[in-house]
Amino acid sequence: MGERGSVTAEVAIAMPAVALVLALCLGGVHAVGQQVRLQDAASVAARALGRGEAESSARALVAATVPGATLETDRSVELVCATASANVRLVGAPTPIEIGARACAPTAGR
């Protein structure tokens, strides 16, 4: 009779750990999704800048794709590169992590 109910107690103790692992997994999936969106935004911004569009329109593209994202550009004679970055907060993490993506495209003159 002393064993009765022990499984219930073990499950009750394990449930918070299972919930934490699930939350961390979901946070990781969210971060990877944001990374993919940032890469797409950086690629679109680099192509737009390579065509000669204004930097403000490229920044607007990135901000529309990933809210709160920032864009930095780097130009050379042949290439224009766009680096998009954003902060992602994971469940249970004390501070957000920064993710980023970089893409380059040839300039319109080449």
PDB file of N, CA and C in Angstrom:
ATOM      1  N   MET A   1       0.807  -1.190   0.000  1.00  0.00           N
ATOM      2  CA  MET A   1       0.000   0.000   0.000  1.00  0.00           C
ATOM      3  C   MET A   1       0.858   1.265   0.000  1.00  0.00           C
ATOM      4  N   GLY A   2       2.103   1.215   0.483  1.00  0.00           N
ATOM      5  CA  GLY A   2       2.959   2.386   0.557  1.00  0.00           C
ATOM      6  C   GLY A   2       3.406   2.879  -0.811  1.00  0.00           C
ATOM      7  N   GLU A   3       3.351   2.001  -1.808  1.00  0.00           N
ATOM      8  CA  GLU A   3       3.778   2.359  -3.159  1.00  0.00           C
ATOM      9  C   GLU A   3       2.688   3.077  -3.944  1.00  0.00           C
ATOM     10  N   ARG A   4       1.493   2.959  -3.488  1.00  0.00           N
ATOM     11  CA  ARG A   4       0.366   3.525  -4.230  1.00  0.00           C
ATOM     12  C   ARG A   4       0.461   5.057  -4.252  1.00  0.00           C
ATOM     13  N   GLY A   5       0.358   5.623  -5.440  1.00  0.00           N
ATOM     14  CA  GLY A   5       0.426   7.073  -5.586  1.00  0.00           C
ATOM     15  C   GLY A   5       1.825   7.592  -5.863  1.00  0.00           C
ATOM     16  N   SER A   6       2.842   6.717  -5.846  1.00  0.00           N
ATOM     17  CA  SER A   6       4.206   7.194  -6.082  1.00  0.00           C
ATOM     18  C   SER A   6       4.407   7.636  -7.529  1.00  0.00           C
ATOM     19  N   VAL A   7       3.730   6.998  -8.457  1.00  0.00           N
ATOM     20  CA  VAL A   7       3.830   7.402  -9.866  1.00  0.00           C
ATOM     21  C   VAL A   7       3.272   8.802 -10.050  1.00  0.00           C
ATOM     22  N   THR A   8       2.187   9.105  -9.381  1.00  0.00           N
ATOM     23  CA  THR A   8       1.594  10.431  -9.466  1.00  0.00           C
ATOM     24  C   THR A   8       2.562  11.487  -8.945  1.00  0.00           C
ATOM     25  N   ALA A   9       3.235  11.196  -7.864  1.00  0.00           N
ATOM     26  CA  ALA A   9       4.209  12.135  -7.307  1.00  0.00           C
ATOM     27  C   ALA A   9       5.392  12.324  -8.252  1.00  0.00           C
ATOM     28  N   GLU A  10       5.865  11.253  -8.860  1.00  0.00           N
ATOM     29  CA  GLU A  10       6.981  11.356  -9.797  1.00  0.00           C
ATOM     30  C   GLU A  10       6.599  12.172 -11.023  1.00  0.00           C
ATOM     31  N   VAL A  11       5.406  11.969 -11.525  1.00  0.00           N
ATOM     32  CA  VAL A  11       4.937  12.741 -12.681  1.00  0.00           C
ATOM     33  C   VAL A  11       4.793  14.206 -12.302  1.00  0.00           C
ATOM     34  N   ALA A  12       4.282  14.476 -11.124  1.00  0.00           N
ATOM     35  CA  ALA A  12       4.124  15.857 -10.664  1.00  0.00           C
ATOM     36  C   ALA A  12       5.469  16.560 -10.544  1.00  0.00           C
ATOM     37  N   ILE A  13       6.490  15.837 -10.162  1.00  0.00           N
ATOM     38  CA  ILE A  13       7.824  16.417 -10.056  1.00  0.00           C
ATOM     39  C   ILE A  13       8.436  16.610 -11.445  1.00  0.00           C
ATOM     40  N   ALA A  14       8.190  15.709 -12.365  1.00  0.00           N
ATOM     41  CA  ALA A  14       8.791  15.771 -13.695  1.00  0.00           C
ATOM     42  C   ALA A  14       8.105  16.776 -14.624  1.00  0.00           C
ATOM     43  N   MET A  15       6.862  17.108 -14.400  1.00  0.00           N
ATOM     44  CA  MET A  15       6.119  17.982 -15.307  1.00  0.00           C
ATOM     45  C   MET A  15       6.749  19.368 -15.484  1.00  0.00           C
ATOM     46  N   PRO A  16       7.217  20.036 -14.437  1.00  0.00           N
ATOM     47  CA  PRO A  16       7.867  21.335 -14.666  1.00  0.00           C
ATOM     48  C   PRO A  16       9.106  21.227 -15.552  1.00  0.00           C
ATOM     49  N   ALA A  17       9.869  20.154 -15.398  1.00  0.00           N
ATOM     50  CA  ALA A  17      11.045  19.973 -16.250  1.00  0.00           C
ATOM     51  C   ALA A  17      10.637  19.756 -17.696  1.00  0.00           C
ATOM     52  N   VAL A  18       9.602  18.981 -17.917  1.00  0.00           N
ATOM     53  CA  VAL A  18       9.097  18.751 -19.276  1.00  0.00           C
ATOM     54  C   VAL A  18       8.596  20.063 -19.875  1.00  0.00           C
ATOM     55  N   ALA A  19       7.886  20.857 -19.077  1.00  0.00           N
ATOM     56  CA  ALA A  19       7.380  22.145 -19.553  1.00  0.00           C
ATOM     57  C   ALA A  19       8.528  23.086 -19.906  1.00  0.00           C
ATOM     58  N   LEU A  20       9.591  23.091 -19.114  1.00  0.00           N
ATOM     59  CA  LEU A  20      10.749  23.940 -19.396  1.00  0.00           C
ATOM     60  C   LEU A  20      11.443  23.520 -20.685  1.00  0.00           C
ATOM     61  N   VAL A  21      11.633  22.240 -20.868  1.00  0.00           N
ATOM     62  CA  VAL A  21      12.262  21.746 -22.102  1.00  0.00           C
ATOM     63  C   VAL A  21      11.413  22.093 -23.314  1.00  0.00           C
ATOM     64  N   LEU A  22      10.114  21.942 -23.200  1.00  0.00           N
ATOM     65  CA  LEU A  22       9.210  22.298 -24.292  1.00  0.00           C
ATOM     66  C   LEU A  22       9.291  23.785 -24.603  1.00  0.00           C
ATOM     67  N   ALA A  23       9.322  24.623 -23.570  1.00  0.00           N
ATOM     68  CA  ALA A  23       9.418  26.070 -23.777  1.00  0.00           C
ATOM     69  C   ALA A  23      10.740  26.440 -24.451  1.00  0.00           C
ATOM     70  N   LEU A  24      11.827  25.809 -24.046  1.00  0.00           N
ATOM     71  CA  LEU A  24      13.124  26.074 -24.670  1.00  0.00           C
ATOM     72  C   LEU A  24      13.137  25.633 -26.131  1.00  0.00           C
ATOM     73  N   CYS A  25      12.525  24.504 -26.421  1.00  0.00           N
ATOM     74  CA  CYS A  25      12.444  24.032 -27.810  1.00  0.00           C
ATOM     75  C   CYS A  25      11.628  24.983 -28.667  1.00  0.00           C
ATOM     76  N   LEU A  26      10.506  25.441 -28.153  1.00  0.00           N
ATOM     77  CA  LEU A  26       9.687  26.385 -28.895  1.00  0.00           C
ATOM     78  C   LEU A  26      10.416  27.707 -29.101  1.00  0.00           C
ATOM     79  N   GLY A  27      11.158  28.149 -28.102  1.00  0.00           N
ATOM     80  CA  GLY A  27      11.958  29.360 -28.246  1.00  0.00           C
ATOM     81  C   GLY A  27      13.036  29.202 -29.306  1.00  0.00           C
ATOM     82  N   GLY A  28      13.653  28.032 -29.351  1.00  0.00           N
ATOM     83  CA  GLY A  28      14.656  27.768 -30.383  1.00  0.00           C
ATOM     84  C   GLY A  28      14.067  27.760 -31.775  1.00  0.00           C
ATOM     85  N   VAL A  29      12.898  27.179 -31.922  1.00  0.00           N
ATOM     86  CA  VAL A  29      12.225  27.176 -33.223  1.00  0.00           C
ATOM     87  C   VAL A  29      11.883  28.610 -33.636  1.00  0.00           C
ATOM     88  N   HIS A  30      11.443  29.420 -32.675  1.00  0.00           N
ATOM     89  CA  HIS A  30      11.136  30.823 -32.963  1.00  0.00           C
ATOM     90  C   HIS A  30      12.394  31.567 -33.411  1.00  0.00           C
ATOM     91  N   ALA A  31      13.518  31.337 -32.723  1.00  0.00           N
ATOM     92  CA  ALA A  31      14.774  32.001 -33.079  1.00  0.00           C
ATOM     93  C   ALA A  31      15.236  31.594 -34.473  1.00  0.00           C
ATOM     94  N   VAL A  32      15.101  30.330 -34.813  1.00  0.00           N
ATOM     95  CA  VAL A  32      15.491  29.868 -36.148  1.00  0.00           C
ATOM     96  C   VAL A  32      14.579  30.479 -37.213  1.00  0.00           C
ATOM     97  N   GLY A  33      13.297  30.576 -36.918  1.00  0.00           N
ATOM     98  CA  GLY A  33      12.371  31.227 -37.847  1.00  0.00           C
ATOM     99  C   GLY A  33      12.738  32.686 -38.079  1.00  0.00           C
ATOM    100  N   GLN A  34      13.098  33.381 -37.016  1.00  0.00           N
ATOM    101  CA  GLN A  34      13.518  34.775 -37.149  1.00  0.00           C
ATOM    102  C   GLN A  34      14.815  34.865 -37.954  1.00  0.00           C
ATOM    103  N   GLN A  35      15.718  33.912 -37.763  1.00  0.00           N
ATOM    104  CA  GLN A  35      16.974  33.889 -38.517  1.00  0.00           C
ATOM    105  C   GLN A  35      16.702  33.759 -40.016  1.00  0.00           C
ATOM    106  N   VAL A  36      15.791  32.878 -40.378  1.00  0.00           N
ATOM    107  CA  VAL A  36      15.439  32.690 -41.792  1.00  0.00           C
ATOM    108  C   VAL A  36      14.821  33.961 -42.354  1.00  0.00           C
ATOM    109  N   ARG A  37      13.937  34.576 -41.589  1.00  0.00           N
ATOM    110  CA  ARG A  37      13.318  35.829 -42.046  1.00  0.00           C
ATOM    111  C   ARG A  37      14.360  36.931 -42.199  1.00  0.00           C
ATOM    112  N   LEU A  38      15.322  36.990 -41.274  1.00  0.00           N
ATOM    113  CA  LEU A  38      16.394  37.981 -41.385  1.00  0.00           C
ATOM    114  C   LEU A  38      17.249  37.742 -42.614  1.00  0.00           C
ATOM    115  N   GLN A  39      17.554  36.491 -42.903  1.00  0.00           N
ATOM    116  CA  GLN A  39      18.360  36.193 -44.091  1.00  0.00           C
ATOM    117  C   GLN A  39      17.634  36.617 -45.358  1.00  0.00           C
ATOM    118  N   ASP A  40      16.346  36.332 -45.423  1.00  0.00           N
ATOM    119  CA  ASP A  40      15.557  36.771 -46.573  1.00  0.00           C
ATOM    120  C   ASP A  40      15.541  38.288 -46.688  1.00  0.00           C
ATOM    121  N   ALA A  41      15.368  38.968 -45.554  1.00  0.00           N
ATOM    122  CA  ALA A  41      15.331  40.430 -45.562  1.00  0.00           C
ATOM    123  C   ALA A  41      16.676  41.015 -45.990  1.00  0.00           C
ATOM    124  N   ALA A  42      17.768  40.438 -45.514  1.00  0.00           N
ATOM    125  CA  ALA A  42      19.095  40.924 -45.896  1.00  0.00           C
ATOM    126  C   ALA A  42      19.334  40.711 -47.387  1.00  0.00           C
ATOM    127  N   SER A  43      18.883  39.580 -47.924  1.00  0.00           N
ATOM    128  CA  SER A  43      19.042  39.315 -49.358  1.00  0.00           C
ATOM    129  C   SER A  43      18.253  40.305 -50.201  1.00  0.00           C
ATOM    130  N   VAL A  44      17.010  40.550 -49.817  1.00  0.00           N
ATOM    131  CA  VAL A  44      16.178  41.498 -50.560  1.00  0.00           C
ATOM    132  C   VAL A  44      16.772  42.900 -50.474  1.00  0.00           C
ATOM    133  N   ALA A  45      17.234  43.283 -49.289  1.00  0.00           N
ATOM    134  CA  ALA A  45      17.827  44.612 -49.118  1.00  0.00           C
ATOM    135  C   ALA A  45      19.099  44.758 -49.948  1.00  0.00           C
ATOM    136  N   ALA A  46      19.939  43.745 -49.972  1.00  0.00           N
ATOM    137  CA  ALA A  46      21.177  43.812 -50.755  1.00  0.00           C
ATOM    138  C   ALA A  46      20.870  43.939 -52.242  1.00  0.00           C
ATOM    139  N   ARG A  47      19.904  43.175 -52.730  1.00  0.00           N
ATOM    140  CA  ARG A  47      19.542  43.289 -54.149  1.00  0.00           C
ATOM    141  C   ARG A  47      18.971  44.663 -54.464  1.00  0.00           C
ATOM    142  N   ALA A  48      18.143  45.193 -53.560  1.00  0.00           N
ATOM    143  CA  ALA A  48      17.565  46.525 -53.776  1.00  0.00           C
ATOM    144  C   ALA A  48      18.661  47.592 -53.793  1.00  0.00           C
ATOM    145  N   LEU A  49      19.593  47.505 -52.873  1.00  0.00           N
ATOM    146  CA  LEU A  49      20.696  48.460 -52.850  1.00  0.00           C
ATOM    147  C   LEU A  49      21.594  48.301 -54.069  1.00  0.00           C
ATOM    148  N   GLY A  50      21.777  47.073 -54.515  1.00  0.00           N
ATOM    149  CA  GLY A  50      22.573  46.829 -55.717  1.00  0.00           C
ATOM    150  C   GLY A  50      21.948  47.435 -56.961  1.00  0.00           C
ATOM    151  N   ARG A  51      20.618  47.505 -56.993  1.00  0.00           N
ATOM    152  CA  ARG A  51      19.918  48.133 -58.121  1.00  0.00           C
ATOM    153  C   ARG A  51      19.957  49.654 -58.048  1.00  0.00           C
ATOM    154  N   GLY A  52      20.421  50.176 -56.914  1.00  0.00           N
ATOM    155  CA  GLY A  52      20.515  51.625 -56.766  1.00  0.00           C
ATOM    156  C   GLY A  52      19.373  52.256 -56.003  1.00  0.00           C
ATOM    157  N   GLU A  53      18.549  51.450 -55.358  1.00  0.00           N
ATOM    158  CA  GLU A  53      17.459  52.019 -54.565  1.00  0.00           C
ATOM    159  C   GLU A  53      18.021  52.684 -53.310  1.00  0.00           C
ATOM    160  N   ALA A  54      17.218  53.558 -52.716  1.00  0.00           N
ATOM    161  CA  ALA A  54      17.651  54.310 -51.539  1.00  0.00           C
ATOM    162  C   ALA A  54      17.825  53.387 -50.336  1.00  0.00           C
ATOM    163  N   GLU A  55      18.770  53.764 -49.477  1.00  0.00           N
ATOM    164  CA  GLU A  55      19.021  52.964 -48.278  1.00  0.00           C
ATOM    165  C   GLU A  55      17.816  52.991 -47.343  1.00  0.00           C
ATOM    166  N   SER A  56      17.080  54.085 -47.343  1.00  0.00           N
ATOM    167  CA  SER A  56      15.899  54.165 -46.479  1.00  0.00           C
ATOM    168  C   SER A  56      14.839  53.146 -46.883  1.00  0.00           C
ATOM    169  N   SER A  57      14.696  52.887 -48.174  1.00  0.00           N
ATOM    170  CA  SER A  57      13.723  51.874 -48.596  1.00  0.00           C
ATOM    171  C   SER A  57      14.191  50.477 -48.220  1.00  0.00           C
ATOM    172  N   ALA A  58      15.502  50.223 -48.261  1.00  0.00           N
ATOM    173  CA  ALA A  58      16.028  48.930 -47.836  1.00  0.00           C
ATOM    174  C   ALA A  58      15.816  48.739 -46.333  1.00  0.00           C
ATOM    175  N   ARG A  59      16.011  49.800 -45.555  1.00  0.00           N
ATOM    176  CA  ARG A  59      15.760  49.714 -44.115  1.00  0.00           C
ATOM    177  C   ARG A  59      14.287  49.429 -43.835  1.00  0.00           C
ATOM    178  N   ALA A  60      13.408  50.056 -44.604  1.00  0.00           N
ATOM    179  CA  ALA A  60      11.971  49.829 -44.431  1.00  0.00           C
ATOM    180  C   ALA A  60      11.605  48.390 -44.771  1.00  0.00           C
ATOM    181  N   LEU A  61      12.239  47.825 -45.808  1.00  0.00           N
ATOM    182  CA  LEU A  61      11.994  46.421 -46.154  1.00  0.00           C
ATOM    183  C   LEU A  61      12.371  45.492 -45.005  1.00  0.00           C
ATOM    184  N   VAL A  62      13.525  45.732 -44.416  1.00  0.00           N
ATOM    185  CA  VAL A  62      13.998  44.883 -43.316  1.00  0.00           C
ATOM    186  C   VAL A  62      13.093  45.034 -42.102  1.00  0.00           C
ATOM    187  N   ALA A  63      12.730  46.273 -41.780  1.00  0.00           N
ATOM    188  CA  ALA A  63      11.874  46.515 -40.611  1.00  0.00           C
ATOM    189  C   ALA A  63      10.480  45.918 -40.807  1.00  0.00           C
ATOM    190  N   ALA A  64       9.998  45.898 -42.044  1.00  0.00           N
ATOM    191  CA  ALA A  64       8.685  45.312 -42.311  1.00  0.00           C
ATOM    192  C   ALA A  64       8.732  43.786 -42.210  1.00  0.00           C
ATOM    193  N   THR A  65       9.857  43.200 -42.571  1.00  0.00           N
ATOM    194  CA  THR A  65       9.984  41.745 -42.524  1.00  0.00           C
ATOM    195  C   THR A  65      10.161  41.242 -41.094  1.00  0.00           C
ATOM    196  N   VAL A  66      11.039  41.898 -40.342  1.00  0.00           N
ATOM    197  CA  VAL A  66      11.305  41.513 -38.954  1.00  0.00           C
ATOM    198  C   VAL A  66      11.190  42.775 -38.093  1.00  0.00           C
ATOM    199  N   PRO A  67      10.096  42.948 -37.387  1.00  0.00           N
ATOM    200  CA  PRO A  67       9.929  44.155 -36.567  1.00  0.00           C
ATOM    201  C   PRO A  67      11.064  44.309 -35.558  1.00  0.00           C
ATOM    202  N   GLY A  68      11.609  45.509 -35.477  1.00  0.00           N
ATOM    203  CA  GLY A  68      12.703  45.784 -34.554  1.00  0.00           C
ATOM    204  C   GLY A  68      14.079  45.495 -35.121  1.00  0.00           C
ATOM    205  N   ALA A  69      14.154  45.009 -36.342  1.00  0.00           N
ATOM    206  CA  ALA A  69      15.450  44.686 -36.946  1.00  0.00           C
ATOM    207  C   ALA A  69      16.148  45.949 -37.427  1.00  0.00           C
ATOM    208  N   THR A  70      17.460  45.892 -37.448  1.00  0.00           N
ATOM    209  CA  THR A  70      18.263  46.999 -37.948  1.00  0.00           C
ATOM    210  C   THR A  70      19.043  46.545 -39.174  1.00  0.00           C
ATOM    211  N   LEU A  71      19.481  47.511 -39.963  1.00  0.00           N
ATOM    212  CA  LEU A  71      20.219  47.210 -41.189  1.00  0.00           C
ATOM    213  C   LEU A  71      21.476  48.045 -41.238  1.00  0.00           C
ATOM    214  N   GLU A  72      22.586  47.396 -41.531  1.00  0.00           N
ATOM    215  CA  GLU A  72      23.849  48.077 -41.780  1.00  0.00           C
ATOM    216  C   GLU A  72      24.291  47.717 -43.190  1.00  0.00           C
ATOM    217  N   THR A  73      24.869  48.686 -43.883  1.00  0.00           N
ATOM    218  CA  THR A  73      25.297  48.436 -45.259  1.00  0.00           C
ATOM    219  C   THR A  73      26.795  48.666 -45.389  1.00  0.00           C
ATOM    220  N   ASP A  74      27.364  47.996 -46.363  1.00  0.00           N
ATOM    221  CA  ASP A  74      28.779  48.113 -46.671  1.00  0.00           C
ATOM    222  C   ASP A  74      28.898  48.084 -48.185  1.00  0.00           C
ATOM    223  N   ARG A  75      29.479  49.128 -48.738  1.00  0.00           N
ATOM    224  CA  ARG A  75      29.583  49.224 -50.203  1.00  0.00           C
ATOM    225  C   ARG A  75      31.038  49.180 -50.641  1.00  0.00           C
ATOM    226  N   SER A  76      31.250  48.517 -51.754  1.00  0.00           N
ATOM    227  CA  SER A  76      32.539  48.565 -52.440  1.00  0.00           C
ATOM    228  C   SER A  76      32.239  48.874 -53.900  1.00  0.00           C
ATOM    229  N   VAL A  77      33.243  48.841 -54.739  1.00  0.00           N
ATOM    230  CA  VAL A  77      33.047  49.158 -56.147  1.00  0.00           C
ATOM    231  C   VAL A  77      32.138  48.128 -56.816  1.00  0.00           C
ATOM    232  N   GLU A  78      32.323  46.880 -56.501  1.00  0.00           N
ATOM    233  CA  GLU A  78      31.585  45.814 -57.181  1.00  0.00           C
ATOM    234  C   GLU A  78      30.411  45.255 -56.394  1.00  0.00           C
ATOM    235  N   LEU A  79      30.445  45.373 -55.060  1.00  0.00           N
ATOM    236  CA  LEU A  79      29.420  44.738 -54.236  1.00  0.00           C
ATOM    237  C   LEU A  79      28.806  45.725 -53.247  1.00  0.00           C
ATOM    238  N   VAL A  80      27.577  45.439 -52.902  1.00  0.00           N
ATOM    239  CA  VAL A  80      26.936  46.094 -51.765  1.00  0.00           C
ATOM    240  C   VAL A  80      26.444  44.982 -50.839  1.00  0.00           C
ATOM    241  N   CYS A  81      26.779  45.109 -49.567  1.00  0.00           N
ATOM    242  CA  CYS A  81      26.405  44.082 -48.594  1.00  0.00           C
ATOM    243  C   CYS A  81      25.446  44.675 -47.568  1.00  0.00           C
ATOM    244  N   ALA A  82      24.486  43.879 -47.172  1.00  0.00           N
ATOM    245  CA  ALA A  82      23.498  44.277 -46.169  1.00  0.00           C
ATOM    246  C   ALA A  82      23.570  43.295 -45.010  1.00  0.00           C
ATOM    247  N   THR A  83      23.670  43.834 -43.805  1.00  0.00           N
ATOM    248  CA  THR A  83      23.685  43.018 -42.595  1.00  0.00           C
ATOM    249  C   THR A  83      22.471  43.399 -41.759  1.00  0.00           C
ATOM    250  N   ALA A  84      21.561  42.464 -41.585  1.00  0.00           N
ATOM    251  CA  ALA A  84      20.361  42.684 -40.785  1.00  0.00           C
ATOM    252  C   ALA A  84      20.545  41.983 -39.445  1.00  0.00           C
ATOM    253  N   SER A  85      20.117  42.640 -38.370  1.00  0.00           N
ATOM    254  CA  SER A  85      20.222  42.022 -37.048  1.00  0.00           C
ATOM    255  C   SER A  85      18.993  42.373 -36.218  1.00  0.00           C
ATOM    256  N   ALA A  86      18.691  41.504 -35.287  1.00  0.00           N
ATOM    257  CA  ALA A  86      17.538  41.695 -34.397  1.00  0.00           C
ATOM    258  C   ALA A  86      17.798  40.954 -33.101  1.00  0.00           C
ATOM    259  N   ASN A  87      17.091  41.350 -32.064  1.00  0.00           N
ATOM    260  CA  ASN A  87      17.166  40.675 -30.770  1.00  0.00           C
ATOM    261  C   ASN A  87      15.976  39.740 -30.623  1.00  0.00           C
ATOM    262  N   VAL A  88      16.245  38.538 -30.132  1.00  0.00           N
ATOM    263  CA  VAL A  88      15.199  37.547 -29.900  1.00  0.00           C
ATOM    264  C   VAL A  88      15.260  37.144 -28.436  1.00  0.00           C
ATOM    265  N   ARG A  89      14.136  37.180 -27.774  1.00  0.00           N
ATOM    266  CA  ARG A  89      14.083  36.781 -26.362  1.00  0.00           C
ATOM    267  C   ARG A  89      13.597  35.345 -26.281  1.00  0.00           C
ATOM    268  N   LEU A  90      14.418  34.507 -25.670  1.00  0.00           N
ATOM    269  CA  LEU A  90      14.049  33.118 -25.442  1.00  0.00           C
ATOM    270  C   LEU A  90      13.375  32.989 -24.085  1.00  0.00           C
ATOM    271  N   VAL A  91      12.461  32.053 -23.973  1.00  0.00           N
ATOM    272  CA  VAL A  91      11.752  31.832 -22.718  1.00  0.00           C
ATOM    273  C   VAL A  91      12.757  31.425 -21.641  1.00  0.00           C
ATOM    274  N   GLY A  92      12.730  32.116 -20.537  1.00  0.00           N
ATOM    275  CA  GLY A  92      13.607  31.789 -19.427  1.00  0.00           C
ATOM    276  C   GLY A  92      14.986  32.401 -19.513  1.00  0.00           C
ATOM    277  N   ALA A  93      15.341  33.019 -20.634  1.00  0.00           N
ATOM    278  CA  ALA A  93      16.658  33.635 -20.764  1.00  0.00           C
ATOM    279  C   ALA A  93      16.637  35.014 -20.110  1.00  0.00           C
ATOM    280  N   PRO A  94      17.677  35.364 -19.374  1.00  0.00           N
ATOM    281  CA  PRO A  94      17.685  36.662 -18.697  1.00  0.00           C
ATOM    282  C   PRO A  94      17.815  37.844 -19.661  1.00  0.00           C
ATOM    283  N   THR A  95      18.497  37.643 -20.765  1.00  0.00           N
ATOM    284  CA  THR A  95      18.665  38.712 -21.756  1.00  0.00           C
ATOM    285  C   THR A  95      18.365  38.161 -23.144  1.00  0.00           C
ATOM    286  N   PRO A  96      17.945  39.024 -24.048  1.00  0.00           N
ATOM    287  CA  PRO A  96      17.712  38.550 -25.408  1.00  0.00           C
ATOM    288  C   PRO A  96      19.032  38.230 -26.117  1.00  0.00           C
ATOM    289  N   ILE A  97      18.953  37.369 -27.108  1.00  0.00           N
ATOM    290  CA  ILE A  97      20.140  37.065 -27.907  1.00  0.00           C
ATOM    291  C   ILE A  97      20.029  37.814 -29.231  1.00  0.00           C
ATOM    292  N   GLU A  98      21.167  38.189 -29.776  1.00  0.00           N
ATOM    293  CA  GLU A  98      21.177  38.903 -31.050  1.00  0.00           C
ATOM    294  C   GLU A  98      21.440  37.899 -32.168  1.00  0.00           C
ATOM    295  N   ILE A  99      20.603  37.971 -33.182  1.00  0.00           N
ATOM    296  CA  ILE A  99      20.806  37.143 -34.365  1.00  0.00           C
ATOM    297  C   ILE A  99      21.028  38.077 -35.545  1.00  0.00           C
ATOM    298  N   GLY A 100      21.694  37.589 -36.549  1.00  0.00           N
ATOM    299  CA  GLY A 100      21.985  38.428 -37.697  1.00  0.00           C
ATOM    300  C   GLY A 100      22.151  37.617 -38.959  1.00  0.00           C
ATOM    301  N   ALA A 101      22.104  38.329 -40.073  1.00  0.00           N
ATOM    302  CA  ALA A 101      22.280  37.698 -41.377  1.00  0.00           C
ATOM    303  C   ALA A 101      22.934  38.708 -42.309  1.00  0.00           C
ATOM    304  N   ARG A 102      23.741  38.224 -43.221  1.00  0.00           N
ATOM    305  CA  ARG A 102      24.463  39.097 -44.157  1.00  0.00           C
ATOM    306  C   ARG A 102      24.279  38.560 -45.564  1.00  0.00           C
ATOM    307  N   ALA A 103      24.056  39.478 -46.485  1.00  0.00           N
ATOM    308  CA  ALA A 103      23.930  39.113 -47.895  1.00  0.00           C
ATOM    309  C   ALA A 103      24.581  40.200 -48.738  1.00  0.00           C
ATOM    310  N   CYS A 104      25.147  39.798 -49.854  1.00  0.00           N
ATOM    311  CA  CYS A 104      25.800  40.745 -50.759  1.00  0.00           C
ATOM    312  C   CYS A 104      25.234  40.585 -52.162  1.00  0.00           C
ATOM    313  N   ALA A 105      25.258  41.672 -52.919  1.00  0.00           N
ATOM    314  CA  ALA A 105      24.778  41.658 -54.298  1.00  0.00           C
ATOM    315  C   ALA A 105      25.676  42.567 -55.129  1.00  0.00           C
ATOM    316  N   PRO A 106      25.797  42.281 -56.423  1.00  0.00           N
ATOM    317  CA  PRO A 106      26.607  43.154 -57.269  1.00  0.00           C
ATOM    318  C   PRO A 106      25.924  44.502 -57.432  1.00  0.00           C
ATOM    319  N   THR A 107      26.730  45.548 -57.612  1.00  0.00           N
ATOM    320  CA  THR A 107      26.175  46.885 -57.824  1.00  0.00           C
ATOM    321  C   THR A 107      25.651  47.010 -59.243  1.00  0.00           C
ATOM    322  N   ALA A 108      24.837  48.015 -59.489  1.00  0.00           N
ATOM    323  CA  ALA A 108      24.178  48.179 -60.783  1.00  0.00           C
ATOM    324  C   ALA A 108      25.164  48.428 -61.898  1.00  0.00           C
ATOM    325  N   GLY A 109      26.315  48.984 -61.579  1.00  0.00           N
ATOM    326  CA  GLY A 109      27.308  49.292 -62.614  1.00  0.00           C
ATOM    327  C   GLY A 109      28.040  48.075 -63.130  1.00  0.00           C
ATOM    328  N   ARG A 110      27.893  46.934 -62.537  1.00  0.00           N
ATOM    329  CA  ARG A 110      28.622  45.721 -62.947  1.00  0.00           C
ATOM    330  C   ARG A 110      27.739  44.731 -63.597  1.00  0.00           C
TER     331      ARG A 110
END
